[in-house]
Amino acid sequence: MPAETPEQETQEAQQYWGYLVKQDKCGTDLLNRLLRGIANHISATVQPDENCPDLTPSQLAEFYKSVGGDYDVLFIDTVPNSISFIYKSLGCVHSLHPPKGVDKYEDPSIPALKPQGFVTWQTIQLLLGPEEHVPFLQNAVKKFDITDPANGKVFPKLLPPECLPTTPDEDMLTWYDSVSQRLQADAEAVDAEQSDRAQLGAPHYGHGLSPGPGPVGHLSRTESYASTDDDSRYAAAKYFSNPLYRSHGGRPTIIRRYSRDPPRSP
């Protein structure tokens, strides 16, 4: 039997995957299973910790490097409080764990994504920056044996770009911009209030924002944000203003250092 041509392989892969994002901008069941499979792979093979099956920032940073990215500016350089706030704002389910190498009674502060939280996170990133995140997913299935949690079978190694978005979702971009502006305004308001209180010699009790229900929600003044310091607020605002960490020239810094593949054509 003659070997399949590349065209035949691509056609079969397209038939298997279909288009992986629904009109409501949620992933299909197959995309959700793929992302859960990737989450399971990260948990089991990237800095595995039997006491923490959820995905810590350092695990995510290492995973993205392995598929051609560089998210250190978010997952390594950003303080845990800010990462947790970003997750809450996006509706990404996560847990909190004590830092490694410290007293076991230390308050938990390291945010770790639950499998469903990773599905939400990666789906949002895919809608926000397909130019970067489509290759990440393609590299993941090609490089690793990602297992379908529904049946235990390894996903196909070929994930055609036609099965995923090719341009950023305008609604997602607009929502990110609105969150950035709200966070920046709130941080400036808190700074002004602190300055006024300092001049009056009054104590500062803290105010702030609480996350709404994910990317289709909003941020509202419904809970105290006193537990998050000024640096955390500004770091979260910086993320939402430039979530792909693009340079001033528009090049995505998250793929600058580690990409070994030729760039995708515009």
C-alpha atoms as a PDB file:
ATOM      1  CA  MET A   1       0.000   0.000   0.000  1.00  0.00           C
ATOM      2  CA  PRO A   2       1.572   3.336  -1.032  1.00  0.00           C
ATOM      3  CA  ALA A   3       2.399   5.846   1.663  1.00  0.00           C
ATOM      4  CA  GLU A   4      -0.005   8.703   2.156  1.00  0.00           C
ATOM      5  CA  THR A   5       0.892  11.992   0.552  1.00  0.00           C
ATOM      6  CA  PRO A   6       1.185  15.113   2.729  1.00  0.00           C
ATOM      7  CA  GLU A   7      -2.069  16.335   1.204  1.00  0.00           C
ATOM      8  CA  GLN A   8      -3.848  13.138   2.238  1.00  0.00           C
ATOM      9  CA  GLU A   9      -2.426  13.349   5.758  1.00  0.00           C
ATOM     10  CA  THR A  10      -3.597  16.938   6.080  1.00  0.00           C
ATOM     11  CA  GLN A  11      -7.064  16.072   4.799  1.00  0.00           C
ATOM     12  CA  GLU A  12      -7.409  13.204   7.271  1.00  0.00           C
ATOM     13  CA  ALA A  13      -6.228  15.440  10.112  1.00  0.00           C
ATOM     14  CA  GLN A  14      -8.744  18.120   9.168  1.00  0.00           C
ATOM     15  CA  GLN A  15     -11.517  15.546   9.171  1.00  0.00           C
ATOM     16  CA  TYR A  16     -10.436  14.309  12.601  1.00  0.00           C
ATOM     17  CA  TRP A  17     -10.142  17.707  14.283  1.00  0.00           C
ATOM     18  CA  GLY A  18     -12.739  19.783  12.473  1.00  0.00           C
ATOM     19  CA  TYR A  19     -12.854  23.462  13.401  1.00  0.00           C
ATOM     20  CA  LEU A  20     -12.070  23.612  17.111  1.00  0.00           C
ATOM     21  CA  VAL A  21     -13.728  26.859  18.196  1.00  0.00           C
ATOM     22  CA  LYS A  22     -17.506  27.261  18.291  1.00  0.00           C
ATOM     23  CA  GLN A  23     -19.442  30.394  17.382  1.00  0.00           C
ATOM     24  CA  ASP A  24     -19.889  31.236  21.058  1.00  0.00           C
ATOM     25  CA  LYS A  25     -16.060  31.335  21.279  1.00  0.00           C
ATOM     26  CA  CYS A  26     -15.867  28.287  23.492  1.00  0.00           C
ATOM     27  CA  GLY A  27     -13.799  25.325  22.437  1.00  0.00           C
ATOM     28  CA  THR A  28     -15.399  22.227  21.022  1.00  0.00           C
ATOM     29  CA  ASP A  29     -15.435  19.089  23.127  1.00  0.00           C
ATOM     30  CA  LEU A  30     -12.405  17.864  21.176  1.00  0.00           C
ATOM     31  CA  LEU A  31     -10.419  21.050  21.853  1.00  0.00           C
ATOM     32  CA  ASN A  32     -11.320  20.868  25.541  1.00  0.00           C
ATOM     33  CA  ARG A  33     -10.121  17.269  25.657  1.00  0.00           C
ATOM     34  CA  LEU A  34      -6.893  18.212  23.884  1.00  0.00           C
ATOM     35  CA  LEU A  35      -6.216  20.992  26.374  1.00  0.00           C
ATOM     36  CA  ARG A  36      -7.020  18.705  29.309  1.00  0.00           C
ATOM     37  CA  GLY A  37      -4.622  16.190  27.805  1.00  0.00           C
ATOM     38  CA  ILE A  38      -1.927  18.861  27.630  1.00  0.00           C
ATOM     39  CA  ALA A  39      -2.643  19.844  31.241  1.00  0.00           C
ATOM     40  CA  ASN A  40      -2.258  16.202  32.295  1.00  0.00           C
ATOM     41  CA  HIS A  41       1.011  15.991  30.348  1.00  0.00           C
ATOM     42  CA  ILE A  42       2.386  19.096  32.074  1.00  0.00           C
ATOM     43  CA  SER A  43       1.370  17.844  35.509  1.00  0.00           C
ATOM     44  CA  ALA A  44       2.951  14.426  34.946  1.00  0.00           C
ATOM     45  CA  THR A  45       6.178  15.401  33.167  1.00  0.00           C
ATOM     46  CA  VAL A  46       7.075  19.032  33.897  1.00  0.00           C
ATOM     47  CA  GLN A  47       8.444  19.428  37.428  1.00  0.00           C
ATOM     48  CA  PRO A  48       5.955  16.803  38.683  1.00  0.00           C
ATOM     49  CA  ASP A  49       4.838  17.142  42.287  1.00  0.00           C
ATOM     50  CA  GLU A  50       2.598  14.486  43.808  1.00  0.00           C
ATOM     51  CA  ASN A  51       1.456  17.012  46.407  1.00  0.00           C
ATOM     52  CA  CYS A  52       0.356  19.504  43.754  1.00  0.00           C
ATOM     53  CA  PRO A  53      -1.211  18.050  40.598  1.00  0.00           C
ATOM     54  CA  ASP A  54      -2.334  21.532  39.521  1.00  0.00           C
ATOM     55  CA  LEU A  55      -0.148  23.614  37.202  1.00  0.00           C
ATOM     56  CA  THR A  56       2.148  26.119  38.896  1.00  0.00           C
ATOM     57  CA  PRO A  57       3.590  29.170  37.123  1.00  0.00           C
ATOM     58  CA  SER A  58       7.045  27.583  36.875  1.00  0.00           C
ATOM     59  CA  GLN A  59       5.567  24.477  35.248  1.00  0.00           C
ATOM     60  CA  LEU A  60       3.708  26.593  32.712  1.00  0.00           C
ATOM     61  CA  ALA A  61       6.811  28.650  31.970  1.00  0.00           C
ATOM     62  CA  GLU A  62       8.799  25.479  31.263  1.00  0.00           C
ATOM     63  CA  PHE A  63       6.028  24.000  29.114  1.00  0.00           C
ATOM     64  CA  TYR A  64       5.757  27.081  26.907  1.00  0.00           C
ATOM     65  CA  LYS A  65       9.516  27.049  26.397  1.00  0.00           C
ATOM     66  CA  SER A  66       9.298  23.416  25.311  1.00  0.00           C
ATOM     67  CA  VAL A  67       6.842  24.313  22.535  1.00  0.00           C
ATOM     68  CA  GLY A  68       8.641  27.414  21.307  1.00  0.00           C
ATOM     69  CA  GLY A  69       7.480  30.167  23.647  1.00  0.00           C
ATOM     70  CA  ASP A  70       8.771  32.299  26.457  1.00  0.00           C
ATOM     71  CA  TYR A  71       6.254  33.297  29.120  1.00  0.00           C
ATOM     72  CA  ASP A  72       8.834  33.974  31.845  1.00  0.00           C
ATOM     73  CA  VAL A  73       7.805  37.622  32.041  1.00  0.00           C
ATOM     74  CA  LEU A  74       4.397  36.470  33.290  1.00  0.00           C
ATOM     75  CA  PHE A  75       4.976  33.172  35.060  1.00  0.00           C
ATOM     76  CA  ILE A  76       8.434  33.819  36.558  1.00  0.00           C
ATOM     77  CA  ASP A  77       8.835  37.584  36.841  1.00  0.00           C
ATOM     78  CA  THR A  78       5.301  38.484  37.968  1.00  0.00           C
ATOM     79  CA  VAL A  79       4.434  38.258  41.662  1.00  0.00           C
ATOM     80  CA  PRO A  80       2.042  35.421  42.616  1.00  0.00           C
ATOM     81  CA  ASN A  81      -0.704  37.795  43.809  1.00  0.00           C
ATOM     82  CA  SER A  82      -0.872  39.365  40.372  1.00  0.00           C
ATOM     83  CA  ILE A  83      -0.963  36.011  38.590  1.00  0.00           C
ATOM     84  CA  SER A  84      -3.804  34.900  40.851  1.00  0.00           C
ATOM     85  CA  PHE A  85      -5.695  38.123  40.168  1.00  0.00           C
ATOM     86  CA  ILE A  86      -5.238  37.647  36.419  1.00  0.00           C
ATOM     87  CA  TYR A  87      -6.588  34.100  36.706  1.00  0.00           C
ATOM     88  CA  LYS A  88      -9.604  35.322  38.681  1.00  0.00           C
ATOM     89  CA  SER A  89     -10.283  38.039  36.135  1.00  0.00           C
ATOM     90  CA  LEU A  90     -10.265  35.476  33.324  1.00  0.00           C
ATOM     91  CA  GLY A  91     -12.373  32.939  35.204  1.00  0.00           C
ATOM     92  CA  CYS A  92      -9.518  30.416  35.324  1.00  0.00           C
ATOM     93  CA  VAL A  93     -10.103  27.980  38.193  1.00  0.00           C
ATOM     94  CA  HIS A  94      -6.967  27.628  40.310  1.00  0.00           C
ATOM     95  CA  SER A  95      -5.714  26.669  43.742  1.00  0.00           C
ATOM     96  CA  LEU A  96      -3.145  28.283  46.042  1.00  0.00           C
ATOM     97  CA  HIS A  97      -0.102  26.479  47.416  1.00  0.00           C
ATOM     98  CA  PRO A  98       2.742  27.379  49.787  1.00  0.00           C
ATOM     99  CA  PRO A  99       6.028  28.335  48.118  1.00  0.00           C
ATOM    100  CA  LYS A 100       8.490  25.468  47.827  1.00  0.00           C
ATOM    101  CA  GLY A 101      11.386  25.395  50.248  1.00  0.00           C
ATOM    102  CA  VAL A 102       9.670  27.388  52.984  1.00  0.00           C
ATOM    103  CA  ASP A 103       8.039  26.498  56.274  1.00  0.00           C
ATOM    104  CA  LYS A 104       5.111  24.154  55.685  1.00  0.00           C
ATOM    105  CA  TYR A 105       2.907  26.506  57.673  1.00  0.00           C
ATOM    106  CA  GLU A 106       3.557  29.376  55.274  1.00  0.00           C
ATOM    107  CA  ASP A 107       0.353  30.867  53.898  1.00  0.00           C
ATOM    108  CA  PRO A 108      -0.449  29.484  50.430  1.00  0.00           C
ATOM    109  CA  SER A 109       0.295  32.078  47.771  1.00  0.00           C
ATOM    110  CA  ILE A 110       1.420  30.273  44.601  1.00  0.00           C
ATOM    111  CA  PRO A 111      -1.490  30.051  42.119  1.00  0.00           C
ATOM    112  CA  ALA A 112      -1.810  26.734  40.282  1.00  0.00           C
ATOM    113  CA  LEU A 113      -4.273  26.148  37.458  1.00  0.00           C
ATOM    114  CA  LYS A 114      -6.753  23.310  37.744  1.00  0.00           C
ATOM    115  CA  PRO A 115      -7.150  21.295  34.504  1.00  0.00           C
ATOM    116  CA  GLN A 116     -10.349  23.193  33.686  1.00  0.00           C
ATOM    117  CA  GLY A 117      -8.562  26.422  34.523  1.00  0.00           C
ATOM    118  CA  PHE A 118      -5.874  25.581  31.981  1.00  0.00           C
ATOM    119  CA  VAL A 119      -8.565  24.840  29.387  1.00  0.00           C
ATOM    120  CA  THR A 120     -10.045  28.297  29.995  1.00  0.00           C
ATOM    121  CA  TRP A 121      -6.640  29.999  30.026  1.00  0.00           C
ATOM    122  CA  GLN A 122      -5.397  28.395  26.821  1.00  0.00           C
ATOM    123  CA  THR A 123      -8.677  28.915  24.962  1.00  0.00           C
ATOM    124  CA  ILE A 124      -8.542  32.624  25.783  1.00  0.00           C
ATOM    125  CA  GLN A 125      -4.901  32.845  24.689  1.00  0.00           C
ATOM    126  CA  LEU A 126      -5.794  31.091  21.453  1.00  0.00           C
ATOM    127  CA  LEU A 127      -8.515  33.644  20.716  1.00  0.00           C
ATOM    128  CA  LEU A 128      -6.294  36.513  21.749  1.00  0.00           C
ATOM    129  CA  GLY A 129      -3.122  35.559  19.869  1.00  0.00           C
ATOM    130  CA  PRO A 130      -3.546  32.717  17.369  1.00  0.00           C
ATOM    131  CA  GLU A 131      -0.337  33.708  15.583  1.00  0.00           C
ATOM    132  CA  GLU A 132       1.569  32.619  18.680  1.00  0.00           C
ATOM    133  CA  HIS A 133      -0.655  29.994  20.266  1.00  0.00           C
ATOM    134  CA  VAL A 134      -1.623  27.908  17.242  1.00  0.00           C
ATOM    135  CA  PRO A 135       2.048  26.895  16.771  1.00  0.00           C
ATOM    136  CA  PHE A 136       2.292  26.150  20.504  1.00  0.00           C
ATOM    137  CA  LEU A 137      -0.541  23.623  20.232  1.00  0.00           C
ATOM    138  CA  GLN A 138       0.814  22.209  16.974  1.00  0.00           C
ATOM    139  CA  ASN A 139       4.234  21.736  18.550  1.00  0.00           C
ATOM    140  CA  ALA A 140       2.724  20.126  21.648  1.00  0.00           C
ATOM    141  CA  VAL A 141       0.876  17.375  19.750  1.00  0.00           C
ATOM    142  CA  LYS A 142       3.831  16.850  17.418  1.00  0.00           C
ATOM    143  CA  LYS A 143       6.499  16.708  20.115  1.00  0.00           C
ATOM    144  CA  PHE A 144       4.674  14.912  22.923  1.00  0.00           C
ATOM    145  CA  ASP A 145       2.294  11.984  23.176  1.00  0.00           C
ATOM    146  CA  ILE A 146      -0.753  13.912  24.360  1.00  0.00           C
ATOM    147  CA  THR A 147      -3.397  11.451  25.510  1.00  0.00           C
ATOM    148  CA  ASP A 148      -7.115  11.970  25.050  1.00  0.00           C
ATOM    149  CA  PRO A 149      -8.563  11.778  28.598  1.00  0.00           C
ATOM    150  CA  ALA A 150     -11.804  10.390  27.141  1.00  0.00           C
ATOM    151  CA  ASN A 151     -10.324   7.206  25.678  1.00  0.00           C
ATOM    152  CA  GLY A 152      -6.624   7.026  26.546  1.00  0.00           C
ATOM    153  CA  LYS A 153      -5.521   7.242  22.913  1.00  0.00           C
ATOM    154  CA  VAL A 154      -2.742   9.539  21.743  1.00  0.00           C
ATOM    155  CA  PHE A 155      -3.958  12.498  19.700  1.00  0.00           C
ATOM    156  CA  PRO A 156      -2.830  12.709  16.054  1.00  0.00           C
ATOM    157  CA  LYS A 157       0.553  14.351  15.570  1.00  0.00           C
ATOM    158  CA  LEU A 158      -0.741  16.718  12.910  1.00  0.00           C
ATOM    159  CA  LEU A 159      -2.941  19.668  13.847  1.00  0.00           C
ATOM    160  CA  PRO A 160      -3.651  21.680  10.672  1.00  0.00           C
ATOM    161  CA  PRO A 161      -3.807  25.469  11.080  1.00  0.00           C
ATOM    162  CA  GLU A 162      -7.155  25.461   9.271  1.00  0.00           C
ATOM    163  CA  CYS A 163      -8.679  23.888  12.378  1.00  0.00           C
ATOM    164  CA  LEU A 164      -7.913  26.923  14.532  1.00  0.00           C
ATOM    165  CA  PRO A 165      -8.366  30.716  14.410  1.00  0.00           C
ATOM    166  CA  THR A 166      -6.018  32.714  12.208  1.00  0.00           C
ATOM    167  CA  THR A 167      -6.758  36.238  13.464  1.00  0.00           C
ATOM    168  CA  PRO A 168      -7.294  37.655  16.969  1.00  0.00           C
ATOM    169  CA  ASP A 169     -10.866  37.842  18.211  1.00  0.00           C
ATOM    170  CA  GLU A 170     -11.973  41.479  18.267  1.00  0.00           C
ATOM    171  CA  ASP A 171     -14.297  41.044  21.252  1.00  0.00           C
ATOM    172  CA  MET A 172     -11.467  39.508  23.263  1.00  0.00           C
ATOM    173  CA  LEU A 173      -9.117  42.360  22.377  1.00  0.00           C
ATOM    174  CA  THR A 174     -11.752  44.908  23.375  1.00  0.00           C
ATOM    175  CA  TRP A 175     -12.411  43.162  26.675  1.00  0.00           C
ATOM    176  CA  TYR A 176      -8.706  43.020  27.545  1.00  0.00           C
ATOM    177  CA  ASP A 177      -8.358  46.723  26.792  1.00  0.00           C
ATOM    178  CA  SER A 178     -11.329  47.590  29.015  1.00  0.00           C
ATOM    179  CA  VAL A 179      -9.891  45.574  31.915  1.00  0.00           C
ATOM    180  CA  SER A 180      -6.516  47.263  31.500  1.00  0.00           C
ATOM    181  CA  GLN A 181      -8.085  50.711  31.604  1.00  0.00           C
ATOM    182  CA  ARG A 182     -10.197  49.839  34.648  1.00  0.00           C
ATOM    183  CA  LEU A 183      -7.221  48.426  36.543  1.00  0.00           C
ATOM    184  CA  GLN A 184      -5.033  51.386  35.685  1.00  0.00           C
ATOM    185  CA  ALA A 185      -7.715  53.849  36.768  1.00  0.00           C
ATOM    186  CA  ASP A 186      -8.276  51.982  40.021  1.00  0.00           C
ATOM    187  CA  ALA A 187      -4.560  51.803  40.790  1.00  0.00           C
ATOM    188  CA  GLU A 188      -4.236  55.539  40.197  1.00  0.00           C
ATOM    189  CA  ALA A 189      -7.273  56.184  42.409  1.00  0.00           C
ATOM    190  CA  VAL A 190      -5.769  54.097  45.211  1.00  0.00           C
ATOM    191  CA  ASP A 191      -2.465  55.956  44.887  1.00  0.00           C
ATOM    192  CA  ALA A 192      -4.282  59.285  45.101  1.00  0.00           C
ATOM    193  CA  GLU A 193      -6.252  58.119  48.148  1.00  0.00           C
ATOM    194  CA  GLN A 194      -3.094  56.914  49.873  1.00  0.00           C
ATOM    195  CA  SER A 195      -1.433  60.237  49.167  1.00  0.00           C
ATOM    196  CA  ASP A 196      -4.394  62.150  50.588  1.00  0.00           C
ATOM    197  CA  ARG A 197      -4.505  59.951  53.685  1.00  0.00           C
ATOM    198  CA  ALA A 198      -0.778  60.326  54.198  1.00  0.00           C
ATOM    199  CA  GLN A 199      -1.112  64.090  54.106  1.00  0.00           C
ATOM    200  CA  LEU A 200      -3.960  63.927  56.616  1.00  0.00           C
ATOM    201  CA  GLY A 201      -2.265  61.327  58.785  1.00  0.00           C
ATOM    202  CA  ALA A 202      -5.201  58.928  58.387  1.00  0.00           C
ATOM    203  CA  PRO A 203      -4.853  55.120  58.214  1.00  0.00           C
ATOM    204  CA  HIS A 204      -5.220  53.328  54.878  1.00  0.00           C
ATOM    205  CA  TYR A 205      -7.728  50.487  54.705  1.00  0.00           C
ATOM    206  CA  GLY A 206      -7.407  49.529  51.058  1.00  0.00           C
ATOM    207  CA  HIS A 207      -9.886  49.465  48.245  1.00  0.00           C
ATOM    208  CA  GLY A 208      -9.929  47.822  44.887  1.00  0.00           C
ATOM    209  CA  LEU A 209     -11.437  45.579  42.306  1.00  0.00           C
ATOM    210  CA  SER A 210     -12.771  42.106  42.287  1.00  0.00           C
ATOM    211  CA  PRO A 211     -12.930  39.957  39.195  1.00  0.00           C
ATOM    212  CA  GLY A 212     -16.066  39.407  37.199  1.00  0.00           C
ATOM    213  CA  PRO A 213     -17.067  36.132  35.554  1.00  0.00           C
ATOM    214  CA  GLY A 214     -14.237  35.688  33.069  1.00  0.00           C
ATOM    215  CA  PRO A 215     -13.549  37.439  29.786  1.00  0.00           C
ATOM    216  CA  VAL A 216     -17.213  38.156  29.082  1.00  0.00           C
ATOM    217  CA  GLY A 217     -17.661  39.677  32.522  1.00  0.00           C
ATOM    218  CA  HIS A 218     -16.318  42.785  34.134  1.00  0.00           C
ATOM    219  CA  LEU A 219     -14.402  44.073  37.109  1.00  0.00           C
ATOM    220  CA  SER A 220     -16.460  45.701  39.829  1.00  0.00           C
ATOM    221  CA  ARG A 221     -15.908  47.322  43.185  1.00  0.00           C
ATOM    222  CA  THR A 222     -17.570  44.579  45.206  1.00  0.00           C
ATOM    223  CA  GLU A 223     -14.792  43.160  47.374  1.00  0.00           C
ATOM    224  CA  SER A 224     -11.788  44.525  49.196  1.00  0.00           C
ATOM    225  CA  TYR A 225      -8.572  44.374  47.218  1.00  0.00           C
ATOM    226  CA  ALA A 226      -6.465  45.281  50.211  1.00  0.00           C
ATOM    227  CA  SER A 227      -4.603  41.968  50.136  1.00  0.00           C
ATOM    228  CA  THR A 228      -3.057  42.875  46.787  1.00  0.00           C
ATOM    229  CA  ASP A 229      -0.302  45.481  46.970  1.00  0.00           C
ATOM    230  CA  ASP A 230       0.295  48.325  44.541  1.00  0.00           C
ATOM    231  CA  ASP A 231       2.939  46.412  42.596  1.00  0.00           C
ATOM    232  CA  SER A 232       0.489  43.556  42.055  1.00  0.00           C
ATOM    233  CA  ARG A 233      -2.194  45.910  40.792  1.00  0.00           C
ATOM    234  CA  TYR A 234       0.151  47.547  38.333  1.00  0.00           C
ATOM    235  CA  ALA A 235       1.541  44.192  37.184  1.00  0.00           C
ATOM    236  CA  ALA A 236      -1.970  42.932  36.454  1.00  0.00           C
ATOM    237  CA  ALA A 237      -2.800  46.151  34.599  1.00  0.00           C
ATOM    238  CA  LYS A 238       0.399  45.788  32.576  1.00  0.00           C
ATOM    239  CA  TYR A 239      -0.550  42.243  31.595  1.00  0.00           C
ATOM    240  CA  PHE A 240      -4.024  43.188  30.394  1.00  0.00           C
ATOM    241  CA  SER A 241      -2.641  46.131  28.414  1.00  0.00           C
ATOM    242  CA  ASN A 242      -0.148  43.879  26.592  1.00  0.00           C
ATOM    243  CA  PRO A 243      -1.064  40.219  27.245  1.00  0.00           C
ATOM    244  CA  LEU A 244       1.179  38.842  24.486  1.00  0.00           C
ATOM    245  CA  TYR A 245       4.102  40.948  25.753  1.00  0.00           C
ATOM    246  CA  ARG A 246       4.768  42.387  22.330  1.00  0.00           C
ATOM    247  CA  SER A 247       7.725  44.674  21.797  1.00  0.00           C
ATOM    248  CA  HIS A 248       7.160  48.219  20.607  1.00  0.00           C
ATOM    249  CA  GLY A 249       7.665  46.991  17.062  1.00  0.00           C
ATOM    250  CA  GLY A 250       4.785  44.555  17.432  1.00  0.00           C
ATOM    251  CA  ARG A 251       6.850  41.394  17.600  1.00  0.00           C
ATOM    252  CA  PRO A 252       5.554  38.924  20.187  1.00  0.00           C
ATOM    253  CA  THR A 253       8.269  38.562  22.818  1.00  0.00           C
ATOM    254  CA  ILE A 254       6.721  35.307  23.999  1.00  0.00           C
ATOM    255  CA  ILE A 255       8.118  33.546  20.922  1.00  0.00           C
ATOM    256  CA  ARG A 256      11.272  35.569  20.369  1.00  0.00           C
ATOM    257  CA  ARG A 257      13.821  33.564  22.279  1.00  0.00           C
ATOM    258  CA  TYR A 258      12.837  29.939  21.983  1.00  0.00           C
ATOM    259  CA  SER A 259      11.185  29.528  18.596  1.00  0.00           C
ATOM    260  CA  ARG A 260      13.110  27.058  16.444  1.00  0.00           C
ATOM    261  CA  ASP A 261      10.585  26.927  13.653  1.00  0.00           C
ATOM    262  CA  PRO A 262      10.429  29.392  10.763  1.00  0.00           C
ATOM    263  CA  PRO A 263       7.956  32.207  11.404  1.00  0.00           C
ATOM    264  CA  ARG A 264       4.468  31.838  10.057  1.00  0.00           C
ATOM    265  CA  SER A 265       3.695  34.005   7.071  1.00  0.00           C
ATOM    266  CA  PRO A 266       1.502  37.009   7.887  1.00  0.00           C
END
